[in-house]
Amino acid sequence: MKFDNKSIGTIGENIAAEYLKNHNYKILERNFSCKIGEIDIIAKNENNICFIEVKSRTSDYFGMPSEAVNYYKEQKICKVAQYYILKKDLHKYNLRFDVVEIIFSSTTSKLNLIKNAFIIDGYI
């Protein structure tokens, strides 16, 4: 069975959310969107509000999935995070930007959680 990119992304987000729950993250939002953009998962982990980008691929032929989170994507995630923090009045928490990368193969999947995948000056 062949999946399109959207299906692979949705499956990856579901796997990532389950993994995070099993590792003491409390999921606050999934697919939070506003005019500025979208964040796949927003979760609380200890005293951190984590803004998590999920990248799923069927191979690493074109590089690791996390490499798709470029400077432009980081800036967009940061702006959405700022909006979310203001909207929910979460200033007392530390912010963290994580990436979950998932590579699917015909028999298994490999998940890698990258904490502090990127740092935005003035926010971490």
N, C-alpha and C. Protein backbone atom coordinates (compact mmCIF):
# COMPACT_ATOMS: atom_id res chain seq x y z
N MET A 1 0.84 -1.18 0.00
CA MET A 1 0.00 0.00 0.00
C MET A 1 0.89 1.25 0.00
N LYS A 2 0.61 2.18 -0.87
CA LYS A 2 1.39 3.41 -0.99
C LYS A 2 0.61 4.56 -0.35
N PHE A 3 1.31 5.36 0.44
CA PHE A 3 0.69 6.50 1.11
C PHE A 3 1.19 7.79 0.49
N ASP A 4 0.34 8.81 0.48
CA ASP A 4 0.78 10.11 0.02
C ASP A 4 1.44 10.85 1.19
N ASN A 5 2.07 11.99 0.90
CA ASN A 5 2.81 12.72 1.93
C ASN A 5 1.94 13.16 3.10
N LYS A 6 0.70 13.56 2.81
CA LYS A 6 -0.21 14.00 3.88
C LYS A 6 -0.52 12.85 4.82
N SER A 7 -0.77 11.66 4.26
CA SER A 7 -1.06 10.48 5.09
C SER A 7 0.15 10.11 5.94
N ILE A 8 1.33 10.15 5.32
CA ILE A 8 2.56 9.84 6.06
C ILE A 8 2.74 10.84 7.21
N GLY A 9 2.46 12.12 6.93
CA GLY A 9 2.57 13.14 7.96
C GLY A 9 1.61 12.91 9.11
N THR A 10 0.37 12.56 8.80
CA THR A 10 -0.64 12.32 9.83
C THR A 10 -0.28 11.10 10.68
N ILE A 11 0.15 10.04 10.03
CA ILE A 11 0.57 8.84 10.76
C ILE A 11 1.76 9.17 11.66
N GLY A 12 2.71 9.92 11.12
CA GLY A 12 3.88 10.33 11.91
C GLY A 12 3.50 11.17 13.12
N GLU A 13 2.57 12.10 12.96
CA GLU A 13 2.13 12.93 14.08
C GLU A 13 1.45 12.09 15.15
N ASN A 14 0.65 11.10 14.74
CA ASN A 14 0.00 10.22 15.71
C ASN A 14 1.02 9.40 16.49
N ILE A 15 2.02 8.88 15.79
CA ILE A 15 3.08 8.11 16.46
C ILE A 15 3.87 9.01 17.40
N ALA A 16 4.18 10.22 16.95
CA ALA A 16 4.94 11.15 17.79
C ALA A 16 4.16 11.52 19.05
N ALA A 17 2.86 11.79 18.91
CA ALA A 17 2.04 12.16 20.06
C ALA A 17 2.00 11.03 21.08
N GLU A 18 1.85 9.81 20.60
CA GLU A 18 1.83 8.65 21.50
C GLU A 18 3.17 8.49 22.21
N TYR A 19 4.26 8.64 21.46
CA TYR A 19 5.60 8.55 22.04
C TYR A 19 5.79 9.61 23.13
N LEU A 20 5.38 10.84 22.83
CA LEU A 20 5.55 11.92 23.80
C LEU A 20 4.73 11.66 25.07
N LYS A 21 3.50 11.21 24.91
CA LYS A 21 2.67 10.88 26.09
C LYS A 21 3.36 9.83 26.95
N ASN A 22 3.95 8.84 26.30
CA ASN A 22 4.64 7.76 27.03
C ASN A 22 5.95 8.21 27.67
N HIS A 23 6.40 9.42 27.35
CA HIS A 23 7.63 9.96 27.91
C HIS A 23 7.38 11.23 28.70
N ASN A 24 6.25 11.25 29.40
CA ASN A 24 5.90 12.30 30.36
C ASN A 24 5.66 13.68 29.77
N TYR A 25 5.18 13.74 28.55
CA TYR A 25 4.74 15.00 27.96
C TYR A 25 3.23 15.05 28.08
N LYS A 26 2.70 16.21 28.41
CA LYS A 26 1.26 16.41 28.40
C LYS A 26 0.93 17.18 27.13
N ILE A 27 0.18 16.57 26.24
CA ILE A 27 -0.17 17.22 24.98
C ILE A 27 -1.19 18.32 25.26
N LEU A 28 -0.85 19.55 24.89
CA LEU A 28 -1.75 20.68 25.07
C LEU A 28 -2.55 20.96 23.81
N GLU A 29 -1.90 20.83 22.67
CA GLU A 29 -2.54 21.11 21.37
C GLU A 29 -1.92 20.21 20.31
N ARG A 30 -2.75 19.88 19.33
CA ARG A 30 -2.24 19.23 18.13
C ARG A 30 -2.70 20.06 16.95
N ASN A 31 -1.81 20.27 16.01
CA ASN A 31 -2.11 21.06 14.82
C ASN A 31 -2.69 22.43 15.16
N PHE A 32 -2.02 23.12 16.09
CA PHE A 32 -2.45 24.47 16.45
C PHE A 32 -2.13 25.40 15.28
N SER A 33 -3.14 26.12 14.82
CA SER A 33 -2.89 27.03 13.70
C SER A 33 -3.52 28.39 13.96
N CYS A 34 -2.92 29.37 13.36
CA CYS A 34 -3.40 30.75 13.39
C CYS A 34 -3.02 31.36 12.04
N LYS A 35 -3.26 32.64 11.88
CA LYS A 35 -2.93 33.29 10.60
C LYS A 35 -1.46 33.17 10.23
N ILE A 36 -0.62 33.11 11.24
CA ILE A 36 0.83 33.09 11.02
C ILE A 36 1.32 31.74 10.49
N GLY A 37 0.74 30.67 11.01
CA GLY A 37 1.20 29.34 10.62
C GLY A 37 0.64 28.27 11.53
N GLU A 38 1.35 27.13 11.58
CA GLU A 38 0.86 25.98 12.33
C GLU A 38 2.01 25.29 13.05
N ILE A 39 1.69 24.72 14.21
CA ILE A 39 2.65 23.91 14.96
C ILE A 39 2.01 22.54 15.15
N ASP A 40 2.76 21.50 14.86
CA ASP A 40 2.22 20.15 14.90
C ASP A 40 1.74 19.74 16.29
N ILE A 41 2.62 19.89 17.28
CA ILE A 41 2.29 19.48 18.65
C ILE A 41 2.84 20.53 19.61
N ILE A 42 2.00 20.91 20.56
CA ILE A 42 2.44 21.75 21.68
C ILE A 42 2.21 20.92 22.93
N ALA A 43 3.26 20.78 23.73
CA ALA A 43 3.18 19.91 24.91
C ALA A 43 3.92 20.54 26.08
N LYS A 44 3.55 20.09 27.27
CA LYS A 44 4.23 20.51 28.49
C LYS A 44 5.09 19.34 28.95
N ASN A 45 6.35 19.63 29.25
CA ASN A 45 7.29 18.63 29.76
C ASN A 45 8.08 19.29 30.87
N GLU A 46 7.83 18.84 32.11
CA GLU A 46 8.40 19.47 33.29
C GLU A 46 7.98 20.94 33.29
N ASN A 47 8.91 21.88 33.35
CA ASN A 47 8.54 23.30 33.35
C ASN A 47 8.75 23.93 31.98
N ASN A 48 8.66 23.12 30.94
CA ASN A 48 8.85 23.59 29.57
C ASN A 48 7.57 23.48 28.78
N ILE A 49 7.29 24.51 28.00
CA ILE A 49 6.29 24.40 26.95
C ILE A 49 7.08 24.09 25.68
N CYS A 50 6.79 22.94 25.09
CA CYS A 50 7.55 22.45 23.95
C CYS A 50 6.73 22.61 22.67
N PHE A 51 7.33 23.26 21.71
CA PHE A 51 6.73 23.43 20.40
C PHE A 51 7.43 22.43 19.49
N ILE A 52 6.66 21.44 19.02
CA ILE A 52 7.26 20.28 18.40
C ILE A 52 6.84 20.17 16.93
N GLU A 53 7.83 20.13 16.07
CA GLU A 53 7.62 19.92 14.65
C GLU A 53 7.88 18.44 14.37
N VAL A 54 6.96 17.80 13.68
CA VAL A 54 7.10 16.39 13.35
C VAL A 54 7.40 16.27 11.86
N LYS A 55 8.45 15.56 11.53
CA LYS A 55 8.83 15.33 10.14
C LYS A 55 8.94 13.83 9.91
N SER A 56 8.17 13.34 8.95
CA SER A 56 8.13 11.90 8.65
C SER A 56 8.54 11.68 7.20
N ARG A 57 9.29 10.63 6.97
CA ARG A 57 9.73 10.27 5.63
C ARG A 57 9.70 8.75 5.48
N THR A 58 9.70 8.30 4.25
CA THR A 58 9.76 6.86 4.00
C THR A 58 11.19 6.37 3.81
N SER A 59 12.14 7.31 3.76
CA SER A 59 13.56 6.93 3.70
C SER A 59 14.40 8.16 4.04
N ASP A 60 15.68 7.93 4.20
CA ASP A 60 16.59 9.05 4.43
C ASP A 60 17.39 9.36 3.16
N TYR A 61 16.87 8.93 2.03
CA TYR A 61 17.55 9.11 0.74
C TYR A 61 17.86 10.59 0.47
N PHE A 62 16.95 11.47 0.82
CA PHE A 62 17.15 12.90 0.60
C PHE A 62 17.61 13.62 1.87
N GLY A 63 18.13 12.88 2.84
CA GLY A 63 18.60 13.46 4.09
C GLY A 63 17.65 13.10 5.22
N MET A 64 18.05 13.46 6.41
CA MET A 64 17.24 13.16 7.58
C MET A 64 16.01 14.08 7.59
N PRO A 65 14.89 13.60 8.10
CA PRO A 65 13.68 14.42 8.13
C PRO A 65 13.87 15.76 8.84
N SER A 66 14.64 15.77 9.91
CA SER A 66 14.84 17.02 10.68
C SER A 66 15.51 18.10 9.85
N GLU A 67 16.24 17.71 8.81
CA GLU A 67 16.92 18.70 7.96
C GLU A 67 15.93 19.56 7.19
N ALA A 68 14.68 19.13 7.11
CA ALA A 68 13.65 19.92 6.44
C ALA A 68 13.19 21.11 7.28
N VAL A 69 13.60 21.14 8.55
CA VAL A 69 13.26 22.28 9.41
C VAL A 69 14.37 23.30 9.23
N ASN A 70 14.18 24.16 8.23
CA ASN A 70 15.19 25.15 7.88
C ASN A 70 14.97 26.46 8.64
N TYR A 71 15.80 27.43 8.38
CA TYR A 71 15.74 28.72 9.07
C TYR A 71 14.35 29.36 8.94
N TYR A 72 13.80 29.36 7.74
CA TYR A 72 12.48 29.95 7.51
C TYR A 72 11.41 29.25 8.36
N LYS A 73 11.44 27.92 8.40
CA LYS A 73 10.47 27.15 9.19
C LYS A 73 10.66 27.44 10.68
N GLU A 74 11.90 27.54 11.14
CA GLU A 74 12.17 27.86 12.54
C GLU A 74 11.56 29.21 12.92
N GLN A 75 11.75 30.21 12.06
CA GLN A 75 11.22 31.55 12.32
C GLN A 75 9.70 31.53 12.39
N LYS A 76 9.08 30.78 11.51
CA LYS A 76 7.62 30.69 11.49
C LYS A 76 7.11 30.01 12.76
N ILE A 77 7.75 28.91 13.16
CA ILE A 77 7.36 28.22 14.39
C ILE A 77 7.50 29.15 15.58
N CYS A 78 8.57 29.91 15.62
CA CYS A 78 8.80 30.86 16.71
C CYS A 78 7.69 31.89 16.80
N LYS A 79 7.27 32.43 15.66
CA LYS A 79 6.21 33.44 15.65
C LYS A 79 4.88 32.86 16.12
N VAL A 80 4.57 31.65 15.70
CA VAL A 80 3.35 30.99 16.16
C VAL A 80 3.45 30.72 17.66
N ALA A 81 4.63 30.31 18.12
CA ALA A 81 4.85 30.05 19.55
C ALA A 81 4.64 31.33 20.36
N GLN A 82 5.15 32.45 19.88
CA GLN A 82 4.95 33.72 20.57
C GLN A 82 3.46 34.02 20.72
N TYR A 83 2.73 33.84 19.63
CA TYR A 83 1.29 34.07 19.65
C TYR A 83 0.60 33.15 20.66
N TYR A 84 0.98 31.88 20.66
CA TYR A 84 0.37 30.91 21.58
C TYR A 84 0.65 31.27 23.03
N ILE A 85 1.89 31.64 23.33
CA ILE A 85 2.27 32.02 24.70
C ILE A 85 1.45 33.23 25.17
N LEU A 86 1.31 34.21 24.30
CA LEU A 86 0.50 35.39 24.65
C LEU A 86 -0.97 35.03 24.84
N LYS A 87 -1.50 34.27 23.91
CA LYS A 87 -2.92 33.89 23.95
C LYS A 87 -3.26 33.09 25.20
N LYS A 88 -2.37 32.18 25.60
CA LYS A 88 -2.63 31.28 26.74
C LYS A 88 -2.00 31.78 28.05
N ASP A 89 -1.32 32.93 28.00
CA ASP A 89 -0.66 33.51 29.18
C ASP A 89 0.25 32.48 29.87
N LEU A 90 1.21 31.99 29.13
CA LEU A 90 2.12 30.96 29.61
C LEU A 90 3.54 31.49 29.81
N HIS A 91 3.66 32.74 30.19
CA HIS A 91 4.97 33.39 30.31
C HIS A 91 5.86 32.78 31.39
N LYS A 92 5.26 32.10 32.36
CA LYS A 92 6.06 31.57 33.47
C LYS A 92 6.84 30.30 33.10
N TYR A 93 6.57 29.76 31.95
CA TYR A 93 7.24 28.53 31.52
C TYR A 93 8.45 28.83 30.63
N ASN A 94 9.38 27.89 30.63
CA ASN A 94 10.48 27.94 29.67
C ASN A 94 9.95 27.45 28.33
N LEU A 95 10.50 27.95 27.25
CA LEU A 95 10.11 27.51 25.91
C LEU A 95 11.19 26.59 25.37
N ARG A 96 10.74 25.60 24.61
CA ARG A 96 11.69 24.71 23.97
C ARG A 96 11.15 24.34 22.59
N PHE A 97 12.03 24.27 21.64
CA PHE A 97 11.65 23.91 20.27
C PHE A 97 12.28 22.55 19.95
N ASP A 98 11.42 21.56 19.79
CA ASP A 98 11.87 20.19 19.54
C ASP A 98 11.44 19.75 18.14
N VAL A 99 12.11 18.74 17.65
CA VAL A 99 11.71 18.10 16.39
C VAL A 99 11.65 16.60 16.64
N VAL A 100 10.58 15.99 16.16
CA VAL A 100 10.49 14.53 16.14
C VAL A 100 10.61 14.12 14.69
N GLU A 101 11.60 13.29 14.41
CA GLU A 101 11.74 12.78 13.05
C GLU A 101 11.45 11.29 13.05
N ILE A 102 10.71 10.88 12.02
CA ILE A 102 10.32 9.49 11.90
C ILE A 102 10.65 9.02 10.49
N ILE A 103 11.33 7.89 10.42
CA ILE A 103 11.61 7.27 9.12
C ILE A 103 10.91 5.92 9.10
N PHE A 104 10.02 5.78 8.14
CA PHE A 104 9.28 4.53 7.97
C PHE A 104 10.02 3.64 6.98
N SER A 105 10.01 2.35 7.26
CA SER A 105 10.48 1.39 6.27
C SER A 105 9.37 0.36 6.09
N SER A 106 9.60 -0.61 5.26
CA SER A 106 8.54 -1.59 5.00
C SER A 106 8.22 -2.44 6.23
N THR A 107 9.15 -2.55 7.16
CA THR A 107 8.93 -3.43 8.31
C THR A 107 8.84 -2.70 9.65
N THR A 108 9.37 -1.51 9.73
CA THR A 108 9.42 -0.84 11.03
C THR A 108 9.49 0.67 10.85
N SER A 109 9.53 1.39 11.96
CA SER A 109 9.75 2.83 11.89
C SER A 109 10.78 3.20 12.96
N LYS A 110 11.52 4.24 12.68
CA LYS A 110 12.54 4.73 13.61
C LYS A 110 12.17 6.15 14.00
N LEU A 111 12.06 6.39 15.30
CA LEU A 111 11.69 7.71 15.81
C LEU A 111 12.88 8.30 16.57
N ASN A 112 13.13 9.59 16.34
CA ASN A 112 14.19 10.30 17.02
C ASN A 112 13.63 11.63 17.53
N LEU A 113 13.67 11.83 18.85
CA LEU A 113 13.26 13.09 19.46
C LEU A 113 14.49 13.96 19.63
N ILE A 114 14.47 15.14 19.03
CA ILE A 114 15.59 16.07 19.14
C ILE A 114 15.13 17.24 20.01
N LYS A 115 15.54 17.21 21.27
CA LYS A 115 15.19 18.31 22.18
C LYS A 115 16.08 19.50 21.87
N ASN A 116 15.52 20.70 22.01
CA ASN A 116 16.26 21.92 21.69
C ASN A 116 16.85 21.83 20.28
N ALA A 117 16.05 21.41 19.34
CA ALA A 117 16.50 21.23 17.95
C ALA A 117 17.00 22.54 17.37
N PHE A 118 16.39 23.62 17.80
CA PHE A 118 16.88 24.94 17.41
C PHE A 118 16.57 25.92 18.52
N ILE A 119 17.37 26.97 18.55
CA ILE A 119 17.23 28.00 19.56
C ILE A 119 17.05 29.33 18.86
N ILE A 120 16.06 30.07 19.30
CA ILE A 120 15.82 31.41 18.76
C ILE A 120 16.37 32.42 19.75
N ASP A 121 17.27 33.26 19.30
CA ASP A 121 17.85 34.28 20.18
C ASP A 121 16.76 35.05 20.90
N GLY A 122 16.91 35.18 22.22
CA GLY A 122 15.96 35.93 23.01
C GLY A 122 14.79 35.12 23.53
N TYR A 123 14.68 33.85 23.12
CA TYR A 123 13.55 33.03 23.56
C TYR A 123 13.97 31.83 24.38
N ILE A 124 15.22 31.49 24.38
CA ILE A 124 15.68 30.34 25.16
C ILE A 124 16.80 30.80 26.06
